[in-house]
C-alpha atoms as a PDB file:
ATOM      1  CA  MET A   1     -96.287 -31.215  12.129  1.00  0.00           C
ATOM      2  CA  LEU A   2     -98.806 -33.091  14.421  1.00  0.00           C
ATOM      3  CA  SER A   3     -98.682 -36.884  14.446  1.00  0.00           C
ATOM      4  CA  ARG A   4    -101.426 -38.949  12.909  1.00  0.00           C
ATOM      5  CA  THR A   5    -102.807 -39.998  16.339  1.00  0.00           C
ATOM      6  CA  ALA A   6    -103.079 -36.427  17.492  1.00  0.00           C
ATOM      7  CA  PHE A   7    -104.828 -35.501  14.279  1.00  0.00           C
ATOM      8  CA  THR A   8    -107.351 -38.341  14.818  1.00  0.00           C
ATOM      9  CA  ILE A   9    -108.026 -37.284  18.391  1.00  0.00           C
ATOM     10  CA  ILE A  10    -108.634 -33.692  17.339  1.00  0.00           C
ATOM     11  CA  ALA A  11    -111.017 -34.875  14.640  1.00  0.00           C
ATOM     12  CA  LEU A  12    -112.954 -36.995  17.117  1.00  0.00           C
ATOM     13  CA  LEU A  13    -113.170 -34.089  19.524  1.00  0.00           C
ATOM     14  CA  GLY A  14    -114.569 -31.996  16.720  1.00  0.00           C
ATOM     15  CA  VAL A  15    -117.170 -34.628  15.950  1.00  0.00           C
ATOM     16  CA  VAL A  16    -118.061 -34.890  19.623  1.00  0.00           C
ATOM     17  CA  LEU A  17    -118.584 -31.174  19.786  1.00  0.00           C
ATOM     18  CA  VAL A  18    -120.771 -31.281  16.697  1.00  0.00           C
ATOM     19  CA  VAL A  19    -122.841 -34.133  18.059  1.00  0.00           C
ATOM     20  CA  SER A  20    -123.092 -32.481  21.418  1.00  0.00           C
ATOM     21  CA  SER A  21    -124.386 -29.353  19.763  1.00  0.00           C
ATOM     22  CA  CYS A  22    -127.032 -31.314  17.878  1.00  0.00           C
ATOM     23  CA  GLY A  23    -128.426 -33.182  20.860  1.00  0.00           C
ATOM     24  CA  LYS A  24    -127.745 -36.323  22.814  1.00  0.00           C
ATOM     25  CA  LEU A  25    -127.193 -39.790  21.151  1.00  0.00           C
ATOM     26  CA  ASN A  26    -127.695 -43.146  22.822  1.00  0.00           C
ATOM     27  CA  GLN A  27    -124.729 -45.257  23.595  1.00  0.00           C
ATOM     28  CA  ALA A  28    -125.173 -47.757  20.778  1.00  0.00           C
ATOM     29  CA  GLU A  29    -125.657 -45.157  18.111  1.00  0.00           C
ATOM     30  CA  PHE A  30    -122.639 -43.271  19.330  1.00  0.00           C
ATOM     31  CA  GLU A  31    -120.445 -46.344  19.332  1.00  0.00           C
ATOM     32  CA  MET A  32    -121.581 -47.239  15.811  1.00  0.00           C
ATOM     33  CA  TRP A  33    -120.997 -43.719  14.596  1.00  0.00           C
ATOM     34  CA  LYS A  34    -117.627 -43.562  16.297  1.00  0.00           C
ATOM     35  CA  ASN A  35    -116.465 -46.844  14.813  1.00  0.00           C
ATOM     36  CA  GLU A  36    -117.536 -45.768  11.358  1.00  0.00           C
ATOM     37  CA  HIS A  37    -115.693 -42.504  11.602  1.00  0.00           C
ATOM     38  CA  VAL A  38    -112.627 -44.097  13.113  1.00  0.00           C
ATOM     39  CA  SER A  39    -112.480 -46.466  10.150  1.00  0.00           C
ATOM     40  CA  GLN A  40    -112.807 -43.577   7.774  1.00  0.00           C
ATOM     41  CA  MET A  41    -110.090 -41.689   9.596  1.00  0.00           C
ATOM     42  CA  GLU A  42    -107.748 -44.673   9.527  1.00  0.00           C
ATOM     43  CA  GLN A  43    -108.369 -45.121   5.819  1.00  0.00           C
ATOM     44  CA  THR A  44    -107.696 -41.451   5.286  1.00  0.00           C
ATOM     45  CA  ASN A  45    -104.470 -41.716   7.312  1.00  0.00           C
ATOM     46  CA  SER A  46    -103.428 -44.735   5.270  1.00  0.00           C
ATOM     47  CA  ASP A  47    -104.043 -42.878   2.041  1.00  0.00           C
ATOM     48  CA  MET A  48    -102.134 -39.894   3.305  1.00  0.00           C
ATOM     49  CA  SER A  49     -99.187 -42.089   4.328  1.00  0.00           C
ATOM     50  CA  THR A  50     -99.140 -43.658   0.882  1.00  0.00           C
ATOM     51  CA  LYS A  51     -99.164 -40.265  -0.791  1.00  0.00           C
ATOM     52  CA  ILE A  52     -96.458 -38.972   1.547  1.00  0.00           C
ATOM     53  CA  THR A  53     -94.294 -42.000   0.794  1.00  0.00           C
ATOM     54  CA  MET A  54     -94.789 -41.419  -2.922  1.00  0.00           C
ATOM     55  CA  LEU A  55     -93.869 -37.744  -2.545  1.00  0.00           C
ATOM     56  CA  GLU A  56     -90.788 -38.575  -0.527  1.00  0.00           C
ATOM     57  CA  GLY A  57     -89.702 -40.993  -3.252  1.00  0.00           C
ATOM     58  CA  LYS A  58     -90.204 -38.357  -5.906  1.00  0.00           C
ATOM     59  CA  VAL A  59     -88.234 -35.841  -3.804  1.00  0.00           C
ATOM     60  CA  ASP A  60     -85.350 -38.295  -3.364  1.00  0.00           C
ATOM     61  CA  GLN A  61     -85.340 -39.068  -7.096  1.00  0.00           C
ATOM     62  CA  HIS A  62     -85.406 -35.377  -7.929  1.00  0.00           C
ATOM     63  CA  SER A  63     -82.514 -34.722  -5.541  1.00  0.00           C
ATOM     64  CA  GLN A  64     -80.523 -37.547  -7.111  1.00  0.00           C
ATOM     65  CA  ASP A  65     -81.303 -36.288 -10.629  1.00  0.00           C
ATOM     66  CA  THR A  66     -80.295 -32.766  -9.619  1.00  0.00           C
ATOM     67  CA  ALA A  67     -76.982 -33.969  -8.116  1.00  0.00           C
ATOM     68  CA  GLU A  68     -76.216 -35.963 -11.238  1.00  0.00           C
ATOM     69  CA  ALA A  69     -77.062 -32.990 -13.428  1.00  0.00           C
ATOM     70  CA  ILE A  70     -74.794 -30.748 -11.349  1.00  0.00           C
ATOM     71  CA  SER A  71     -71.972 -33.310 -11.543  1.00  0.00           C
ATOM     72  CA  ARG A  72     -72.315 -33.615 -15.335  1.00  0.00           C
ATOM     73  CA  ALA A  73     -72.401 -29.835 -15.707  1.00  0.00           C
ATOM     74  CA  LYS A  74     -69.249 -29.573 -13.552  1.00  0.00           C
ATOM     75  CA  ASP A  75     -67.417 -32.221 -15.575  1.00  0.00           C
ATOM     76  CA  GLU A  76     -68.450 -30.541 -18.821  1.00  0.00           C
ATOM     77  CA  ALA A  77     -67.274 -27.159 -17.512  1.00  0.00           C
ATOM     78  CA  ILE A  78     -63.902 -28.624 -16.492  1.00  0.00           C
ATOM     79  CA  ALA A  79     -63.503 -30.339 -19.852  1.00  0.00           C
ATOM     80  CA  ALA A  80     -64.386 -27.126 -21.653  1.00  0.00           C
ATOM     81  CA  SER A  81     -61.950 -25.180 -19.501  1.00  0.00           C
ATOM     82  CA  GLN A  82     -59.176 -27.684 -20.166  1.00  0.00           C
ATOM     83  CA  GLN A  83     -59.861 -27.610 -23.871  1.00  0.00           C
ATOM     84  CA  GLY A  84     -59.853 -23.820 -23.751  1.00  0.00           C
ATOM     85  CA  ASP A  85     -56.515 -23.853 -21.852  1.00  0.00           C
ATOM     86  CA  ALA A  86     -55.035 -26.232 -24.394  1.00  0.00           C
ATOM     87  CA  ASP A  87     -56.182 -23.997 -27.225  1.00  0.00           C
ATOM     88  CA  SER A  88     -54.803 -20.950 -25.439  1.00  0.00           C
ATOM     89  CA  ILE A  89     -51.472 -22.667 -24.805  1.00  0.00           C
ATOM     90  CA  THR A  90     -51.215 -23.780 -28.420  1.00  0.00           C
ATOM     91  CA  ALA A  91     -51.994 -20.262 -29.622  1.00  0.00           C
ATOM     92  CA  ALA A  92     -49.494 -18.766 -27.174  1.00  0.00           C
ATOM     93  CA  GLU A  93     -46.781 -21.199 -28.278  1.00  0.00           C
ATOM     94  CA  GLN A  94     -47.430 -20.362 -31.897  1.00  0.00           C
ATOM     95  CA  LYS A  95     -47.284 -16.659 -31.151  1.00  0.00           C
ATOM     96  CA  ALA A  96     -44.105 -17.139 -29.137  1.00  0.00           C
ATOM     97  CA  LYS A  97     -42.497 -19.003 -32.028  1.00  0.00           C
ATOM     98  CA  GLU A  98     -43.464 -16.252 -34.417  1.00  0.00           C
ATOM     99  CA  GLY A  99     -42.170 -13.603 -31.981  1.00  0.00           C
ATOM    100  CA  ASP A 100     -38.925 -15.525 -31.447  1.00  0.00           C
ATOM    101  CA  ALA A 101     -38.339 -15.748 -35.171  1.00  0.00           C
ATOM    102  CA  GLN A 102     -38.968 -12.023 -35.570  1.00  0.00           C
ATOM    103  CA  LEU A 103     -36.699 -11.257 -32.629  1.00  0.00           C
ATOM    104  CA  ARG A 104     -33.921 -13.405 -34.067  1.00  0.00           C
ATOM    105  CA  ALA A 105     -34.269 -11.641 -37.392  1.00  0.00           C
ATOM    106  CA  ASP A 106     -34.136  -8.215 -35.699  1.00  0.00           C
ATOM    107  CA  LEU A 107     -31.125  -9.220 -33.604  1.00  0.00           C
ATOM    108  CA  THR A 108     -29.302 -10.561 -36.624  1.00  0.00           C
ATOM    109  CA  LYS A 109     -29.931  -7.307 -38.446  1.00  0.00           C
ATOM    110  CA  VAL A 110     -28.698  -5.230 -35.484  1.00  0.00           C
ATOM    111  CA  ILE A 111     -25.621  -7.445 -35.064  1.00  0.00           C
ATOM    112  CA  ASP A 112     -24.707  -7.128 -38.715  1.00  0.00           C
ATOM    113  CA  MET A 113     -25.130  -3.361 -38.553  1.00  0.00           C
ATOM    114  CA  LYS A 114     -23.044  -3.074 -35.366  1.00  0.00           C
ATOM    115  CA  GLY A 115     -20.420  -5.377 -36.878  1.00  0.00           C
ATOM    116  CA  ASN A 116     -20.076  -3.122 -39.895  1.00  0.00           C
ATOM    117  CA  GLU A 117     -19.854  -0.075 -37.649  1.00  0.00           C
ATOM    118  CA  ALA A 118     -17.197  -1.793 -35.523  1.00  0.00           C
ATOM    119  CA  MET A 119     -15.143  -2.669 -38.593  1.00  0.00           C
ATOM    120  CA  ASP A 120     -15.327   0.915 -39.825  1.00  0.00           C
ATOM    121  CA  ALA A 121     -14.362   2.186 -36.386  1.00  0.00           C
ATOM    122  CA  ALA A 122     -11.512  -0.321 -36.198  1.00  0.00           C
ATOM    123  CA  LYS A 123     -10.143   0.839 -39.540  1.00  0.00           C
ATOM    124  CA  SER A 124     -10.305   4.448 -38.438  1.00  0.00           C
ATOM    125  CA  GLY A 125      -8.878   3.520 -35.029  1.00  0.00           C
ATOM    126  CA  ASP A 126      -5.961   1.657 -36.621  1.00  0.00           C
ATOM    127  CA  ALA A 127      -4.926   4.813 -38.400  1.00  0.00           C
ATOM    128  CA  ASP A 128      -5.204   6.870 -35.212  1.00  0.00           C
ATOM    129  CA  LEU A 129      -3.380   4.174 -33.250  1.00  0.00           C
ATOM    130  CA  GLN A 130      -0.559   4.122 -35.752  1.00  0.00           C
ATOM    131  CA  LYS A 131      -0.230   7.876 -35.418  1.00  0.00           C
ATOM    132  CA  GLN A 132      -0.094   7.529 -31.645  1.00  0.00           C
ATOM    133  CA  ILE A 133       2.484   4.759 -31.909  1.00  0.00           C
ATOM    134  CA  ASP A 134       4.624   6.914 -34.180  1.00  0.00           C
ATOM    135  CA  ALA A 135       4.292   9.814 -31.745  1.00  0.00           C
ATOM    136  CA  VAL A 136       5.234   7.571 -28.830  1.00  0.00           C
ATOM    137  CA  GLY A 137       8.212   6.281 -30.768  1.00  0.00           C
ATOM    138  CA  ALA A 138       9.431   9.820 -31.418  1.00  0.00           C
ATOM    139  CA  ALA A 139       8.853  10.726 -27.788  1.00  0.00           C
ATOM    140  CA  GLY A 140      10.686   7.553 -26.772  1.00  0.00           C
ATOM    141  CA  LYS A 141      13.744   8.579 -28.734  1.00  0.00           C
ATOM    142  CA  SER A 142      13.650  12.005 -27.129  1.00  0.00           C
ATOM    143  CA  ASN A 143      13.155  10.440 -23.726  1.00  0.00           C
ATOM    144  CA  GLY A 144      16.033   8.064 -24.368  1.00  0.00           C
ATOM    145  CA  THR A 145      18.343  11.010 -24.969  1.00  0.00           C
ATOM    146  CA  ALA A 146      17.031  12.716 -21.832  1.00  0.00           C
ATOM    147  CA  ILE A 147      17.500   9.507 -19.818  1.00  0.00           C
ATOM    148  CA  LYS A 148      21.100   9.201 -20.994  1.00  0.00           C
ATOM    149  CA  GLN A 149      21.735  12.784 -19.926  1.00  0.00           C
ATOM    150  CA  ILE A 150      20.127  12.110 -16.550  1.00  0.00           C
ATOM    151  CA  GLN A 151      22.271   9.000 -16.127  1.00  0.00           C
ATOM    152  CA  SER A 152      25.376  10.992 -16.970  1.00  0.00           C
ATOM    153  CA  ASP A 153      24.418  13.696 -14.474  1.00  0.00           C
ATOM    154  CA  LEU A 154      23.696  11.030 -11.861  1.00  0.00           C
ATOM    155  CA  MET A 155      27.098   9.432 -12.344  1.00  0.00           C
ATOM    156  CA  ALA A 156      28.768  12.828 -11.983  1.00  0.00           C
ATOM    157  CA  LEU A 157      26.778  13.453  -8.815  1.00  0.00           C
ATOM    158  CA  GLN A 158      27.757  10.048  -7.443  1.00  0.00           C
ATOM    159  CA  GLU A 159      31.398  10.851  -8.082  1.00  0.00           C
ATOM    160  CA  LYS A 160      31.003  14.118  -6.202  1.00  0.00           C
ATOM    161  CA  VAL A 161      29.360  12.318  -3.308  1.00  0.00           C
ATOM    162  CA  ALA A 162      32.180   9.787  -3.264  1.00  0.00           C
ATOM    163  CA  MET A 163      34.721  12.593  -3.149  1.00  0.00           C
ATOM    164  CA  VAL A 164      32.818  14.257  -0.301  1.00  0.00           C
ATOM    165  CA  ASP A 165      32.699  10.936   1.549  1.00  0.00           C
ATOM    166  CA  MET A 166      36.402  10.497   0.967  1.00  0.00           C
ATOM    167  CA  LYS A 167      37.134  13.955   2.283  1.00  0.00           C
ATOM    168  CA  ALA A 168      34.872  13.355   5.260  1.00  0.00           C
ATOM    169  CA  SER A 169      36.638  10.105   6.030  1.00  0.00           C
ATOM    170  CA  ALA A 170      39.983  11.871   5.692  1.00  0.00           C
ATOM    171  CA  LYS A 171      38.972  14.525   8.205  1.00  0.00           C
ATOM    172  CA  PRO A 172      40.888  14.536  11.509  1.00  0.00           C
ATOM    173  CA  THR A 173      38.925  12.895  14.342  1.00  0.00           C
ATOM    174  CA  LEU A 174      39.307  13.934  17.980  1.00  0.00           C
ATOM    175  CA  VAL A 175      39.397  10.711  19.995  1.00  0.00           C
ATOM    176  CA  ALA A 176      40.154  11.856  23.533  1.00  0.00           C
ATOM    177  CA  THR A 177      40.991  14.926  25.639  1.00  0.00           C
ATOM    178  CA  VAL A 178      42.806  14.889  28.988  1.00  0.00           C
ATOM    179  CA  ASN A 179      43.465  17.865  31.287  1.00  0.00           C
ATOM    180  CA  PHE A 180      46.398  18.956  33.460  1.00  0.00           C
ATOM    181  CA  GLY A 181      46.974  21.007  36.557  1.00  0.00           C
ATOM    182  CA  SER A 182      48.571  24.458  36.314  1.00  0.00           C
ATOM    183  CA  GLY A 183      52.270  24.080  35.311  1.00  0.00           C
ATOM    184  CA  GLN A 184      52.007  20.241  35.390  1.00  0.00           C
ATOM    185  CA  THR A 185      52.900  17.725  32.699  1.00  0.00           C
ATOM    186  CA  GLY A 186      52.272  14.401  34.434  1.00  0.00           C
ATOM    187  CA  LEU A 187      49.105  12.385  33.696  1.00  0.00           C
ATOM    188  CA  SER A 188      46.513  12.137  36.463  1.00  0.00           C
ATOM    189  CA  SER A 189      44.722   8.865  37.206  1.00  0.00           C
ATOM    190  CA  LYS A 190      41.651  10.207  35.451  1.00  0.00           C
ATOM    191  CA  ALA A 191      43.715  11.105  32.366  1.00  0.00           C
ATOM    192  CA  LYS A 192      45.211   7.596  32.261  1.00  0.00           C
ATOM    193  CA  GLU A 193      41.692   6.091  32.547  1.00  0.00           C
ATOM    194  CA  THR A 194      40.561   8.191  29.589  1.00  0.00           C
ATOM    195  CA  LEU A 195      43.516   7.067  27.453  1.00  0.00           C
ATOM    196  CA  ASP A 196      42.909   3.434  28.444  1.00  0.00           C
ATOM    197  CA  GLY A 197      39.382   3.783  27.106  1.00  0.00           C
ATOM    198  CA  VAL A 198      40.550   4.708  23.589  1.00  0.00           C
ATOM    199  CA  ALA A 199      43.602   2.460  23.328  1.00  0.00           C
ATOM    200  CA  ASP A 200      41.724  -0.314  21.472  1.00  0.00           C
ATOM    201  CA  GLN A 201      40.241   2.168  19.020  1.00  0.00           C
ATOM    202  CA  LEU A 202      43.660   3.625  18.297  1.00  0.00           C
ATOM    203  CA  MET A 203      45.200   0.215  17.743  1.00  0.00           C
ATOM    204  CA  ALA A 204      42.369  -0.881  15.407  1.00  0.00           C
ATOM    205  CA  SER A 205      42.808   2.158  13.171  1.00  0.00           C
ATOM    206  CA  ASP A 206      45.541   2.472  10.573  1.00  0.00           C
ATOM    207  CA  ALA A 207      45.439   6.288  10.659  1.00  0.00           C
ATOM    208  CA  LYS A 208      48.254   8.391  12.018  1.00  0.00           C
ATOM    209  CA  ILE A 209      47.921   9.432  15.675  1.00  0.00           C
ATOM    210  CA  VAL A 210      48.681  13.048  16.529  1.00  0.00           C
ATOM    211  CA  VAL A 211      48.883  14.017  20.201  1.00  0.00           C
ATOM    212  CA  VAL A 212      48.585  17.786  20.614  1.00  0.00           C
ATOM    213  CA  GLY A 213      49.555  19.556  23.856  1.00  0.00           C
ATOM    214  CA  HIS A 214      48.050  22.932  24.953  1.00  0.00           C
ATOM    215  CA  ALA A 215      48.744  25.533  27.663  1.00  0.00           C
ATOM    216  CA  ASP A 216      46.547  28.156  29.329  1.00  0.00           C
ATOM    217  CA  GLY A 217      48.710  31.159  28.376  1.00  0.00           C
ATOM    218  CA  THR A 218      49.859  31.927  31.913  1.00  0.00           C
ATOM    219  CA  PRO A 219      53.532  33.116  31.790  1.00  0.00           C
ATOM    220  CA  VAL A 220      56.025  30.428  32.807  1.00  0.00           C
ATOM    221  CA  LEU A 221      58.127  31.985  35.567  1.00  0.00           C
ATOM    222  CA  ARG A 222      59.702  28.966  37.196  1.00  0.00           C
ATOM    223  CA  GLY A 223      60.434  25.292  36.702  1.00  0.00           C
ATOM    224  CA  SER A 224      62.197  23.436  33.915  1.00  0.00           C
ATOM    225  CA  HIS A 225      60.025  24.864  31.145  1.00  0.00           C
ATOM    226  CA  ARG A 226      61.007  28.162  29.641  1.00  0.00           C
ATOM    227  CA  SER A 227      57.637  28.895  27.915  1.00  0.00           C
ATOM    228  CA  ASN A 228      54.104  27.664  27.220  1.00  0.00           C
ATOM    229  CA  TRP A 229      55.507  26.028  24.093  1.00  0.00           C
ATOM    230  CA  ASP A 230      57.839  23.854  26.116  1.00  0.00           C
ATOM    231  CA  LEU A 231      55.064  23.145  28.644  1.00  0.00           C
ATOM    232  CA  SER A 232      52.536  22.065  25.996  1.00  0.00           C
ATOM    233  CA  GLN A 233      55.132  19.887  24.248  1.00  0.00           C
ATOM    234  CA  SER A 234      55.991  18.129  27.510  1.00  0.00           C
ATOM    235  CA  ARG A 235      52.302  17.401  28.101  1.00  0.00           C
ATOM    236  CA  ALA A 236      52.000  15.860  24.604  1.00  0.00           C
ATOM    237  CA  ASN A 237      55.151  13.788  25.208  1.00  0.00           C
ATOM    238  CA  SER A 238      53.695  12.411  28.479  1.00  0.00           C
ATOM    239  CA  ALA A 239      50.555  11.215  26.673  1.00  0.00           C
ATOM    240  CA  VAL A 240      52.558   9.669  23.817  1.00  0.00           C
ATOM    241  CA  LYS A 241      54.779   7.797  26.269  1.00  0.00           C
ATOM    242  CA  TYR A 242      51.708   6.340  28.000  1.00  0.00           C
ATOM    243  CA  LEU A 243      50.081   5.263  24.730  1.00  0.00           C
ATOM    244  CA  LYS A 244      53.276   3.524  23.654  1.00  0.00           C
ATOM    245  CA  SER A 245      53.229   1.635  26.931  1.00  0.00           C
ATOM    246  CA  LYS A 246      49.786   0.297  25.893  1.00  0.00           C
ATOM    247  CA  GLY A 247      51.267  -1.338  22.811  1.00  0.00           C
ATOM    248  CA  ILE A 248      50.586   1.305  20.188  1.00  0.00           C
ATOM    249  CA  ASP A 249      53.225   1.475  17.462  1.00  0.00           C
ATOM    250  CA  ALA A 250      55.543   4.409  18.133  1.00  0.00           C
ATOM    251  CA  GLY A 251      55.945   4.986  14.394  1.00  0.00           C
ATOM    252  CA  ARG A 252      52.252   6.004  14.144  1.00  0.00           C
ATOM    253  CA  ILE A 253      52.406   8.584  16.911  1.00  0.00           C
ATOM    254  CA  GLU A 254      53.477  12.214  16.683  1.00  0.00           C
ATOM    255  CA  ALA A 255      53.609  14.679  19.587  1.00  0.00           C
ATOM    256  CA  VAL A 256      53.004  18.387  18.877  1.00  0.00           C
ATOM    257  CA  GLY A 257      53.016  21.386  21.293  1.00  0.00           C
ATOM    258  CA  MET A 258      50.684  24.316  20.428  1.00  0.00           C
ATOM    259  CA  ALA A 259      51.255  26.429  23.548  1.00  0.00           C
ATOM    260  CA  HIS A 260      48.239  28.731  24.106  1.00  0.00           C
ATOM    261  CA  THR A 261      47.472  29.346  20.426  1.00  0.00           C
ATOM    262  CA  LYS A 262      44.364  27.071  20.251  1.00  0.00           C
ATOM    263  CA  PRO A 263      42.250  27.863  23.317  1.00  0.00           C
ATOM    264  CA  ILE A 264      38.768  26.334  23.605  1.00  0.00           C
ATOM    265  CA  ALA A 265      37.646  28.492  26.534  1.00  0.00           C
ATOM    266  CA  PRO A 266      38.248  32.058  27.817  1.00  0.00           C
ATOM    267  CA  GLN A 267      41.742  32.638  29.158  1.00  0.00           C
ATOM    268  CA  ASN A 268      40.620  35.265  31.705  1.00  0.00           C
ATOM    269  CA  THR A 269      38.758  32.818  34.015  1.00  0.00           C
ATOM    270  CA  ALA A 270      40.058  29.978  36.169  1.00  0.00           C
ATOM    271  CA  ALA A 271      37.555  27.540  34.660  1.00  0.00           C
ATOM    272  CA  GLY A 272      38.495  28.566  31.145  1.00  0.00           C
ATOM    273  CA  ARG A 273      42.200  28.231  31.785  1.00  0.00           C
ATOM    274  CA  ALA A 274      41.634  24.761  33.338  1.00  0.00           C
ATOM    275  CA  MET A 275      39.903  23.625  30.125  1.00  0.00           C
ATOM    276  CA  ASN A 276      42.717  25.007  27.981  1.00  0.00           C
ATOM    277  CA  ARG A 277      45.381  23.020  29.874  1.00  0.00           C
ATOM    278  CA  ARG A 278      44.877  19.850  27.863  1.00  0.00           C
ATOM    279  CA  VAL A 279      46.185  17.178  25.502  1.00  0.00           C
ATOM    280  CA  GLU A 280      44.099  16.077  22.520  1.00  0.00           C
ATOM    281  CA  VAL A 281      44.508  12.662  20.875  1.00  0.00           C
ATOM    282  CA  ILE A 282      43.579  12.898  17.180  1.00  0.00           C
ATOM    283  CA  LEU A 283      43.328  10.285  14.415  1.00  0.00           C
ATOM    284  CA  LEU A 284      44.674  11.725  11.168  1.00  0.00           C
ATOM    285  CA  PRO A 285      43.793   9.601   8.063  1.00  0.00           C
ATOM    286  CA  ALA A 286      46.025   9.711   5.006  1.00  0.00           C
ATOM    287  CA  GLY A 287      45.440  12.884   3.018  1.00  0.00           C
ATOM    288  CA  ALA A 288      43.874  14.742   5.945  1.00  0.00           C
ATOM    289  CA  MET A 289      45.334  17.978   7.218  1.00  0.00           C
ATOM    290  CA  MET A 290      45.304  19.470  10.701  1.00  0.00           C
END
């Protein structure tokens, strides 16, 4: 929008153009005419300013009225909404109370019905349970008889095991074996070392000690022994004499010659005959037999 001064200048220019088109004016007339029109223009501008000021005031008032109206409408809407929410909440609470009461009534009815069913089932179950208890009792009696029989059989088996253990403990035990040269009866250093190794075991045991001499079956053609029997007995006697020297009670020891009747290797080879020329030291518990 052009300012008031610019508007006045444009108006004057328009007047000048009009006057110029109508002919020339003298200077005094022009000045008088100009002053008159300037006064009119200023008055017009003043009137326009007054009207504009009045319009601006009306616009401001209208804006204020509109804002107040909007604020009131907003407050009324909020109040209405709150009242509506309160009504809705009250209605919902009432409905919830009614629903809760109905639900409680339904639950009570279902509980009563289930309680009656449970009591009926319990009565029927008691009868079945009693039958089962009676059956278990009868089975228990039968099982008790079977258990007694099993216990009796177990005791008999334990007695048999004890007898087997007793027989096993009464079995002769070979403690040591020493070998001899062909036709010899004296103990070698190795044979004495072997007997030394079992001396403590022999002394700790209360079983009888049997020392058995053996020969390789080769015919005895010379020397002080007339046969393999005499040779095997002499070998057993040599071992017994040595064991006695180690502190073993002579009353527990017995020397026996078996000649070549108990070979442990073939008699037709040198290695076999060397193995058969031996003395065996045996522990013989009471009740055991050779």
